[in-house]
Amino acid sequence: MAERRVVFVTGAASGIGRATATAFVGRGYATALADLHEDAGRLVESELRSVGECAFFRCDVTDDDAVREAVGRVVATYGRLDAAFNAAGIDGEHGKRTAEGTIENWNQVIAVDLTGTWSCMRYELPAIVESGGGSIVNCASVAGLRAAPTVSAYTAAKHGVVGLTRVAAREYAAAGVRVNAICPGTVDTPMFRHSMAADDIARFVSMNPSGRVAQPEEIAEIVLWLCDGAPSFLTGQAIAVDGGAGA
């Protein structure tokens, strides 16, 4: 009997992280649900327990010691780590040009989106190597592939995530670890709804060739494929999922 595969998902309490954690549980992975928000995370855990094996681990990705402890607890609980999806992130301020942004916003977005991703990989990579190889997917954005005016910190952070992904992919390919980034366009998540006015949402829909925004479950399908089914030669890629907007 094949050994149970284990995945660590950050940002698992909502949005893309939650949808992807749900997909992993449905595929039979023992899924570690990591999030800063304990009440929301526990709720997801209780909902998914009827589907398959999962457990919530509180984790603030801006706290390196907390990340180390969370990944260590996952390995101690399940005995291994085969995959990770680093989805925790924030978008920060909107509508301010580069010279108008605040240092507080810059520091917060970089800490969560970029440094948090690096911190997670710092502990995920050795654990996955120890388990014989596997896959990491980082949640970047189309803002990591092209300019997104008035969200300079977010754009810089997501460009950094893409670069970090490519470096790690080259470093760990020989150890059997694939590292890729997924770069969603506009996705209908609570964070998106919270940060956008109704007119802005309608504008995003009208601008997209597909005539709609993506659902979190669509992004989850691609993350799951990258971890469970994608060719072993596929690594170091930043995959845009934007309904054709970047074409």
C-alpha atoms as a PDB file:
ATOM      1  CA  MET A   1       0.000   0.000   0.000  1.00  0.00           C
ATOM      2  CA  ALA A   2       1.350   3.409  -0.997  1.00  0.00           C
ATOM      3  CA  GLU A   3       2.342   5.696   1.838  1.00  0.00           C
ATOM      4  CA  ARG A   4      -0.048   8.572   2.495  1.00  0.00           C
ATOM      5  CA  ARG A   5       1.056  11.837   0.931  1.00  0.00           C
ATOM      6  CA  VAL A   6       1.192  14.966   3.063  1.00  0.00           C
ATOM      7  CA  VAL A   7       0.748  18.587   1.974  1.00  0.00           C
ATOM      8  CA  PHE A   8       1.214  21.862   3.848  1.00  0.00           C
ATOM      9  CA  VAL A   9      -1.092  24.700   2.711  1.00  0.00           C
ATOM     10  CA  THR A  10      -0.715  28.253   4.006  1.00  0.00           C
ATOM     11  CA  GLY A  11      -3.555  30.744   3.818  1.00  0.00           C
ATOM     12  CA  ALA A  12      -5.862  27.740   4.105  1.00  0.00           C
ATOM     13  CA  ALA A  13      -8.691  29.532   5.941  1.00  0.00           C
ATOM     14  CA  SER A  14     -10.062  31.385   2.920  1.00  0.00           C
ATOM     15  CA  GLY A  15      -9.894  32.087  -0.792  1.00  0.00           C
ATOM     16  CA  ILE A  16      -7.489  30.202  -3.017  1.00  0.00           C
ATOM     17  CA  GLY A  17      -5.782  28.544  -0.049  1.00  0.00           C
ATOM     18  CA  ARG A  18      -9.046  27.142   1.264  1.00  0.00           C
ATOM     19  CA  ALA A  19     -10.174  25.920  -2.151  1.00  0.00           C
ATOM     20  CA  THR A  20      -6.832  24.218  -2.718  1.00  0.00           C
ATOM     21  CA  ALA A  21      -6.773  22.609   0.720  1.00  0.00           C
ATOM     22  CA  THR A  22     -10.250  21.250  -0.027  1.00  0.00           C
ATOM     23  CA  ALA A  23      -8.992  19.810  -3.308  1.00  0.00           C
ATOM     24  CA  PHE A  24      -6.022  18.142  -1.624  1.00  0.00           C
ATOM     25  CA  VAL A  25      -8.215  16.570   1.046  1.00  0.00           C
ATOM     26  CA  GLY A  26     -10.534  15.309  -1.665  1.00  0.00           C
ATOM     27  CA  ARG A  27      -7.576  13.741  -3.485  1.00  0.00           C
ATOM     28  CA  GLY A  28      -6.615  11.829  -0.338  1.00  0.00           C
ATOM     29  CA  TYR A  29      -3.730  13.930   0.938  1.00  0.00           C
ATOM     30  CA  ALA A  30      -3.220  14.387   4.662  1.00  0.00           C
ATOM     31  CA  THR A  31      -3.580  18.145   4.562  1.00  0.00           C
ATOM     32  CA  ALA A  32      -2.051  20.580   7.036  1.00  0.00           C
ATOM     33  CA  LEU A  33      -4.217  23.701   7.125  1.00  0.00           C
ATOM     34  CA  ALA A  34      -1.979  26.614   8.102  1.00  0.00           C
ATOM     35  CA  ASP A  35      -3.326  30.090   8.705  1.00  0.00           C
ATOM     36  CA  LEU A  36      -2.964  33.080  11.006  1.00  0.00           C
ATOM     37  CA  HIS A  37      -6.710  33.198  11.692  1.00  0.00           C
ATOM     38  CA  GLU A  38      -7.420  30.380  14.111  1.00  0.00           C
ATOM     39  CA  ASP A  39     -11.223  30.565  14.278  1.00  0.00           C
ATOM     40  CA  ALA A  40     -11.586  30.499  10.505  1.00  0.00           C
ATOM     41  CA  GLY A  41      -8.962  27.772  10.202  1.00  0.00           C
ATOM     42  CA  ARG A  42     -10.667  25.588  12.796  1.00  0.00           C
ATOM     43  CA  LEU A  43     -13.942  26.001  10.939  1.00  0.00           C
ATOM     44  CA  VAL A  44     -12.369  24.786   7.695  1.00  0.00           C
ATOM     45  CA  GLU A  45     -10.812  21.890   9.583  1.00  0.00           C
ATOM     46  CA  SER A  46     -14.169  20.836  10.997  1.00  0.00           C
ATOM     47  CA  GLU A  47     -15.813  21.032   7.577  1.00  0.00           C
ATOM     48  CA  LEU A  48     -13.110  19.028   5.818  1.00  0.00           C
ATOM     49  CA  ARG A  49     -12.755  16.331   8.487  1.00  0.00           C
ATOM     50  CA  SER A  50     -15.855  14.646   7.028  1.00  0.00           C
ATOM     51  CA  VAL A  51     -14.080  14.442   3.660  1.00  0.00           C
ATOM     52  CA  GLY A  52     -10.627  13.248   4.651  1.00  0.00           C
ATOM     53  CA  GLU A  53      -7.557  13.660   6.824  1.00  0.00           C
ATOM     54  CA  CYS A  54      -6.620  17.210   7.787  1.00  0.00           C
ATOM     55  CA  ALA A  55      -5.459  19.235  10.770  1.00  0.00           C
ATOM     56  CA  PHE A  56      -5.192  22.933  11.504  1.00  0.00           C
ATOM     57  CA  PHE A  57      -1.865  24.507  12.480  1.00  0.00           C
ATOM     58  CA  ARG A  58      -1.857  28.177  13.440  1.00  0.00           C
ATOM     59  CA  CYS A  59       0.957  29.895  11.577  1.00  0.00           C
ATOM     60  CA  ASP A  60       1.947  33.518  11.053  1.00  0.00           C
ATOM     61  CA  VAL A  61       4.170  33.425   7.972  1.00  0.00           C
ATOM     62  CA  THR A  62       5.847  36.680   9.031  1.00  0.00           C
ATOM     63  CA  ASP A  63       7.223  34.911  12.121  1.00  0.00           C
ATOM     64  CA  ASP A  64      10.079  32.661  11.039  1.00  0.00           C
ATOM     65  CA  ASP A  65      10.078  30.740  14.324  1.00  0.00           C
ATOM     66  CA  ALA A  66       6.338  30.101  13.980  1.00  0.00           C
ATOM     67  CA  VAL A  67       6.828  28.769  10.460  1.00  0.00           C
ATOM     68  CA  ARG A  68       9.637  26.488  11.598  1.00  0.00           C
ATOM     69  CA  GLU A  69       7.481  25.193  14.427  1.00  0.00           C
ATOM     70  CA  ALA A  70       4.441  24.646  12.193  1.00  0.00           C
ATOM     71  CA  VAL A  71       6.348  22.693   9.549  1.00  0.00           C
ATOM     72  CA  GLY A  72       8.067  20.687  12.289  1.00  0.00           C
ATOM     73  CA  ARG A  73       4.733  19.832  13.874  1.00  0.00           C
ATOM     74  CA  VAL A  74       3.347  18.707  10.506  1.00  0.00           C
ATOM     75  CA  VAL A  75       6.297  16.362   9.972  1.00  0.00           C
ATOM     76  CA  ALA A  76       6.030  15.108  13.563  1.00  0.00           C
ATOM     77  CA  THR A  77       2.302  14.474  13.104  1.00  0.00           C
ATOM     78  CA  TYR A  78       2.385  12.778   9.719  1.00  0.00           C
ATOM     79  CA  GLY A  79       5.955  11.539   9.456  1.00  0.00           C
ATOM     80  CA  ARG A  80       6.758  13.251   6.171  1.00  0.00           C
ATOM     81  CA  LEU A  81       6.069  16.164   3.828  1.00  0.00           C
ATOM     82  CA  ASP A  82       5.504  15.655   0.110  1.00  0.00           C
ATOM     83  CA  ALA A  83       4.111  18.948  -1.112  1.00  0.00           C
ATOM     84  CA  ALA A  84       3.378  22.527  -0.132  1.00  0.00           C
ATOM     85  CA  PHE A  85       1.238  25.344  -1.450  1.00  0.00           C
ATOM     86  CA  ASN A  86       2.304  28.748  -0.158  1.00  0.00           C
ATOM     87  CA  ALA A  87      -0.861  30.792  -0.601  1.00  0.00           C
ATOM     88  CA  ALA A  88      -0.795  33.167   2.378  1.00  0.00           C
ATOM     89  CA  GLY A  89      -0.772  36.722   1.121  1.00  0.00           C
ATOM     90  CA  ILE A  90      -2.224  40.235   1.248  1.00  0.00           C
ATOM     91  CA  ASP A  91      -2.625  42.879  -1.427  1.00  0.00           C
ATOM     92  CA  GLY A  92      -2.135  45.998   0.687  1.00  0.00           C
ATOM     93  CA  GLU A  93      -2.986  49.534  -0.380  1.00  0.00           C
ATOM     94  CA  HIS A  94      -4.697  50.256  -3.673  1.00  0.00           C
ATOM     95  CA  GLY A  95      -4.820  53.413  -5.740  1.00  0.00           C
ATOM     96  CA  LYS A  96      -1.516  54.990  -4.741  1.00  0.00           C
ATOM     97  CA  ARG A  97       1.331  55.571  -7.147  1.00  0.00           C
ATOM     98  CA  THR A  98       4.818  54.491  -6.127  1.00  0.00           C
ATOM     99  CA  ALA A  99       5.861  57.801  -4.573  1.00  0.00           C
ATOM    100  CA  GLU A 100       2.552  58.033  -2.681  1.00  0.00           C
ATOM    101  CA  GLY A 101       2.765  54.703  -0.890  1.00  0.00           C
ATOM    102  CA  THR A 102       3.588  54.348   2.791  1.00  0.00           C
ATOM    103  CA  ILE A 103       6.558  52.572   4.292  1.00  0.00           C
ATOM    104  CA  GLU A 104       4.148  50.741   6.599  1.00  0.00           C
ATOM    105  CA  ASN A 105       2.277  49.242   3.650  1.00  0.00           C
ATOM    106  CA  TRP A 106       5.522  48.358   1.860  1.00  0.00           C
ATOM    107  CA  ASN A 107       6.951  46.566   4.884  1.00  0.00           C
ATOM    108  CA  GLN A 108       3.748  44.664   5.607  1.00  0.00           C
ATOM    109  CA  VAL A 109       3.193  43.432   2.043  1.00  0.00           C
ATOM    110  CA  ILE A 110       6.820  42.414   1.582  1.00  0.00           C
ATOM    111  CA  ALA A 111       6.818  40.662   4.978  1.00  0.00           C
ATOM    112  CA  VAL A 112       3.749  38.560   4.204  1.00  0.00           C
ATOM    113  CA  ASP A 113       3.943  37.954   0.466  1.00  0.00           C
ATOM    114  CA  LEU A 114       7.672  37.664  -0.171  1.00  0.00           C
ATOM    115  CA  THR A 115       9.532  37.062   3.082  1.00  0.00           C
ATOM    116  CA  GLY A 116       6.721  34.785   4.275  1.00  0.00           C
ATOM    117  CA  THR A 117       7.030  32.666   1.153  1.00  0.00           C
ATOM    118  CA  TRP A 118      10.803  32.445   1.575  1.00  0.00           C
ATOM    119  CA  SER A 119      10.420  31.499   5.239  1.00  0.00           C
ATOM    120  CA  CYS A 120       7.970  28.725   4.371  1.00  0.00           C
ATOM    121  CA  MET A 121      10.244  27.336   1.671  1.00  0.00           C
ATOM    122  CA  ARG A 122      13.178  27.519   4.040  1.00  0.00           C
ATOM    123  CA  TYR A 123      11.619  24.764   6.148  1.00  0.00           C
ATOM    124  CA  GLU A 124       9.506  22.969   3.544  1.00  0.00           C
ATOM    125  CA  LEU A 125      12.413  22.210   1.208  1.00  0.00           C
ATOM    126  CA  PRO A 126      14.533  20.149   3.641  1.00  0.00           C
ATOM    127  CA  ALA A 127      11.450  18.262   4.822  1.00  0.00           C
ATOM    128  CA  ILE A 128      10.425  17.381   1.262  1.00  0.00           C
ATOM    129  CA  VAL A 129      13.989  16.354   0.371  1.00  0.00           C
ATOM    130  CA  GLU A 130      14.045  14.118   3.459  1.00  0.00           C
ATOM    131  CA  SER A 131      10.800  12.514   2.264  1.00  0.00           C
ATOM    132  CA  GLY A 132      12.316  11.634  -1.098  1.00  0.00           C
ATOM    133  CA  GLY A 133      11.206  14.589  -3.189  1.00  0.00           C
ATOM    134  CA  GLY A 134       7.971  16.279  -4.114  1.00  0.00           C
ATOM    135  CA  SER A 135       6.548  19.602  -5.181  1.00  0.00           C
ATOM    136  CA  ILE A 136       6.164  23.176  -3.953  1.00  0.00           C
ATOM    137  CA  VAL A 137       3.802  25.674  -5.543  1.00  0.00           C
ATOM    138  CA  ASN A 138       4.061  29.340  -4.635  1.00  0.00           C
ATOM    139  CA  CYS A 139       1.105  31.653  -5.143  1.00  0.00           C
ATOM    140  CA  ALA A 140       2.391  34.634  -7.105  1.00  0.00           C
ATOM    141  CA  SER A 141       0.135  36.702  -9.360  1.00  0.00           C
ATOM    142  CA  VAL A 142      -0.029  38.139 -12.851  1.00  0.00           C
ATOM    143  CA  ALA A 143       1.359  41.168 -11.008  1.00  0.00           C
ATOM    144  CA  GLY A 144       4.523  39.090 -10.698  1.00  0.00           C
ATOM    145  CA  LEU A 145       4.789  38.895 -14.485  1.00  0.00           C
ATOM    146  CA  ARG A 146       3.897  42.422 -15.535  1.00  0.00           C
ATOM    147  CA  ALA A 147       3.281  45.866 -14.060  1.00  0.00           C
ATOM    148  CA  ALA A 148       0.245  46.507 -11.883  1.00  0.00           C
ATOM    149  CA  PRO A 149       0.009  50.283 -11.454  1.00  0.00           C
ATOM    150  CA  THR A 150      -0.838  51.723  -8.014  1.00  0.00           C
ATOM    151  CA  VAL A 151       0.058  48.507  -6.163  1.00  0.00           C
ATOM    152  CA  SER A 152       3.841  48.810  -6.230  1.00  0.00           C
ATOM    153  CA  ALA A 153       4.548  46.824  -3.049  1.00  0.00           C
ATOM    154  CA  TYR A 154       2.329  43.944  -4.146  1.00  0.00           C
ATOM    155  CA  THR A 155       3.865  43.938  -7.626  1.00  0.00           C
ATOM    156  CA  ALA A 156       7.404  43.964  -6.236  1.00  0.00           C
ATOM    157  CA  ALA A 157       6.587  41.170  -3.777  1.00  0.00           C
ATOM    158  CA  LYS A 158       5.035  38.946  -6.415  1.00  0.00           C
ATOM    159  CA  HIS A 159       7.923  39.531  -8.830  1.00  0.00           C
ATOM    160  CA  GLY A 160      10.129  38.451  -5.938  1.00  0.00           C
ATOM    161  CA  VAL A 161       8.085  35.278  -5.428  1.00  0.00           C
ATOM    162  CA  VAL A 162       8.572  34.369  -9.095  1.00  0.00           C
ATOM    163  CA  GLY A 163      12.320  34.941  -8.827  1.00  0.00           C
ATOM    164  CA  LEU A 164      12.557  32.974  -5.602  1.00  0.00           C
ATOM    165  CA  THR A 165      10.631  30.123  -7.222  1.00  0.00           C
ATOM    166  CA  ARG A 166      13.052  29.949 -10.129  1.00  0.00           C
ATOM    167  CA  VAL A 167      16.114  29.991  -7.900  1.00  0.00           C
ATOM    168  CA  ALA A 168      14.811  27.188  -5.673  1.00  0.00           C
ATOM    169  CA  ALA A 169      13.766  25.150  -8.703  1.00  0.00           C
ATOM    170  CA  ARG A 170      17.331  25.180 -10.004  1.00  0.00           C
ATOM    171  CA  GLU A 171      18.833  24.478  -6.595  1.00  0.00           C
ATOM    172  CA  TYR A 172      16.626  21.492  -5.716  1.00  0.00           C
ATOM    173  CA  ALA A 173      15.881  19.847  -9.069  1.00  0.00           C
ATOM    174  CA  ALA A 174      18.568  17.218  -8.541  1.00  0.00           C
ATOM    175  CA  ALA A 175      17.030  16.367  -5.168  1.00  0.00           C
ATOM    176  CA  GLY A 176      13.711  15.578  -6.806  1.00  0.00           C
ATOM    177  CA  VAL A 177      11.852  18.697  -5.690  1.00  0.00           C
ATOM    178  CA  ARG A 178       9.887  20.647  -8.286  1.00  0.00           C
ATOM    179  CA  VAL A 179       9.157  24.298  -7.497  1.00  0.00           C
ATOM    180  CA  ASN A 180       6.685  26.288  -9.563  1.00  0.00           C
ATOM    181  CA  ALA A 181       4.639  29.450  -9.175  1.00  0.00           C
ATOM    182  CA  ILE A 182       1.050  29.962 -10.127  1.00  0.00           C
ATOM    183  CA  CYS A 183       0.146  33.478 -11.266  1.00  0.00           C
ATOM    184  CA  PRO A 184      -3.595  34.025 -11.054  1.00  0.00           C
ATOM    185  CA  GLY A 185      -5.348  36.986 -12.616  1.00  0.00           C
ATOM    186  CA  THR A 186      -8.536  38.239 -11.027  1.00  0.00           C
ATOM    187  CA  VAL A 187     -10.044  35.607  -8.733  1.00  0.00           C
ATOM    188  CA  ASP A 188     -13.365  35.887  -6.888  1.00  0.00           C
ATOM    189  CA  THR A 189     -12.079  35.614  -3.326  1.00  0.00           C
ATOM    190  CA  PRO A 190     -13.076  37.416  -0.107  1.00  0.00           C
ATOM    191  CA  MET A 191      -9.894  39.505  -0.346  1.00  0.00           C
ATOM    192  CA  PHE A 192     -10.833  40.598  -3.875  1.00  0.00           C
ATOM    193  CA  ARG A 193     -14.411  41.436  -2.874  1.00  0.00           C
ATOM    194  CA  HIS A 194     -13.217  43.344   0.167  1.00  0.00           C
ATOM    195  CA  SER A 195     -10.715  45.488  -1.714  1.00  0.00           C
ATOM    196  CA  MET A 196     -12.765  46.259  -4.839  1.00  0.00           C
ATOM    197  CA  ALA A 197     -15.849  48.408  -5.346  1.00  0.00           C
ATOM    198  CA  ALA A 198     -18.674  46.990  -7.457  1.00  0.00           C
ATOM    199  CA  ASP A 199     -17.728  49.260 -10.377  1.00  0.00           C
ATOM    200  CA  ASP A 200     -14.131  48.024 -10.237  1.00  0.00           C
ATOM    201  CA  ILE A 201     -15.269  44.396 -10.285  1.00  0.00           C
ATOM    202  CA  ALA A 202     -17.456  45.094 -13.319  1.00  0.00           C
ATOM    203  CA  ARG A 203     -14.496  46.767 -15.036  1.00  0.00           C
ATOM    204  CA  PHE A 204     -12.242  43.756 -14.426  1.00  0.00           C
ATOM    205  CA  VAL A 205     -14.899  41.456 -15.849  1.00  0.00           C
ATOM    206  CA  SER A 206     -15.381  43.597 -18.960  1.00  0.00           C
ATOM    207  CA  MET A 207     -11.621  43.786 -19.603  1.00  0.00           C
ATOM    208  CA  ASN A 208     -11.060  40.028 -19.492  1.00  0.00           C
ATOM    209  CA  PRO A 209     -11.333  38.108 -22.783  1.00  0.00           C
ATOM    210  CA  SER A 210     -13.214  35.356 -20.956  1.00  0.00           C
ATOM    211  CA  GLY A 211     -15.810  37.854 -19.742  1.00  0.00           C
ATOM    212  CA  ARG A 212     -15.556  36.800 -16.119  1.00  0.00           C
ATOM    213  CA  VAL A 213     -13.253  36.418 -13.158  1.00  0.00           C
ATOM    214  CA  ALA A 214     -11.846  33.068 -12.040  1.00  0.00           C
ATOM    215  CA  GLN A 215     -13.211  30.963  -9.217  1.00  0.00           C
ATOM    216  CA  PRO A 216     -10.796  29.794  -6.491  1.00  0.00           C
ATOM    217  CA  GLU A 217     -11.552  26.166  -7.379  1.00  0.00           C
ATOM    218  CA  GLU A 218     -10.112  26.716 -10.857  1.00  0.00           C
ATOM    219  CA  ILE A 219      -6.807  27.827  -9.397  1.00  0.00           C
ATOM    220  CA  ALA A 220      -6.901  24.893  -6.985  1.00  0.00           C
ATOM    221  CA  GLU A 221      -7.188  22.437  -9.872  1.00  0.00           C
ATOM    222  CA  ILE A 222      -3.928  23.692 -11.362  1.00  0.00           C
ATOM    223  CA  VAL A 223      -2.091  23.652  -8.037  1.00  0.00           C
ATOM    224  CA  LEU A 224      -3.223  20.076  -7.466  1.00  0.00           C
ATOM    225  CA  TRP A 225      -2.063  19.104 -10.951  1.00  0.00           C
ATOM    226  CA  LEU A 226       1.348  20.680 -10.364  1.00  0.00           C
ATOM    227  CA  CYS A 227       1.737  18.600  -7.198  1.00  0.00           C
ATOM    228  CA  ASP A 228       0.037  15.429  -8.366  1.00  0.00           C
ATOM    229  CA  GLY A 229       0.189  14.627 -12.051  1.00  0.00           C
ATOM    230  CA  ALA A 230       2.397  17.190 -13.753  1.00  0.00           C
ATOM    231  CA  PRO A 231       5.473  15.869 -15.602  1.00  0.00           C
ATOM    232  CA  SER A 232       8.537  15.531 -13.404  1.00  0.00           C
ATOM    233  CA  PHE A 233      10.452  17.752 -15.846  1.00  0.00           C
ATOM    234  CA  LEU A 234       8.146  20.712 -15.159  1.00  0.00           C
ATOM    235  CA  THR A 235       9.872  22.998 -12.678  1.00  0.00           C
ATOM    236  CA  GLY A 236      10.902  26.623 -12.340  1.00  0.00           C
ATOM    237  CA  GLN A 237       7.833  27.893 -14.171  1.00  0.00           C
ATOM    238  CA  ALA A 238       5.533  30.843 -13.457  1.00  0.00           C
ATOM    239  CA  ILE A 239       2.180  29.834 -14.887  1.00  0.00           C
ATOM    240  CA  ALA A 240      -0.299  32.599 -15.682  1.00  0.00           C
ATOM    241  CA  VAL A 241      -3.964  31.753 -15.109  1.00  0.00           C
ATOM    242  CA  ASP A 242      -5.684  34.920 -16.244  1.00  0.00           C
ATOM    243  CA  GLY A 243      -8.415  34.053 -18.758  1.00  0.00           C
ATOM    244  CA  GLY A 244      -6.230  35.245 -21.639  1.00  0.00           C
ATOM    245  CA  ALA A 245      -5.744  38.793 -20.335  1.00  0.00           C
ATOM    246  CA  GLY A 246      -1.975  38.617 -20.749  1.00  0.00           C
ATOM    247  CA  ALA A 247      -2.137  37.271 -24.287  1.00  0.00           C
END
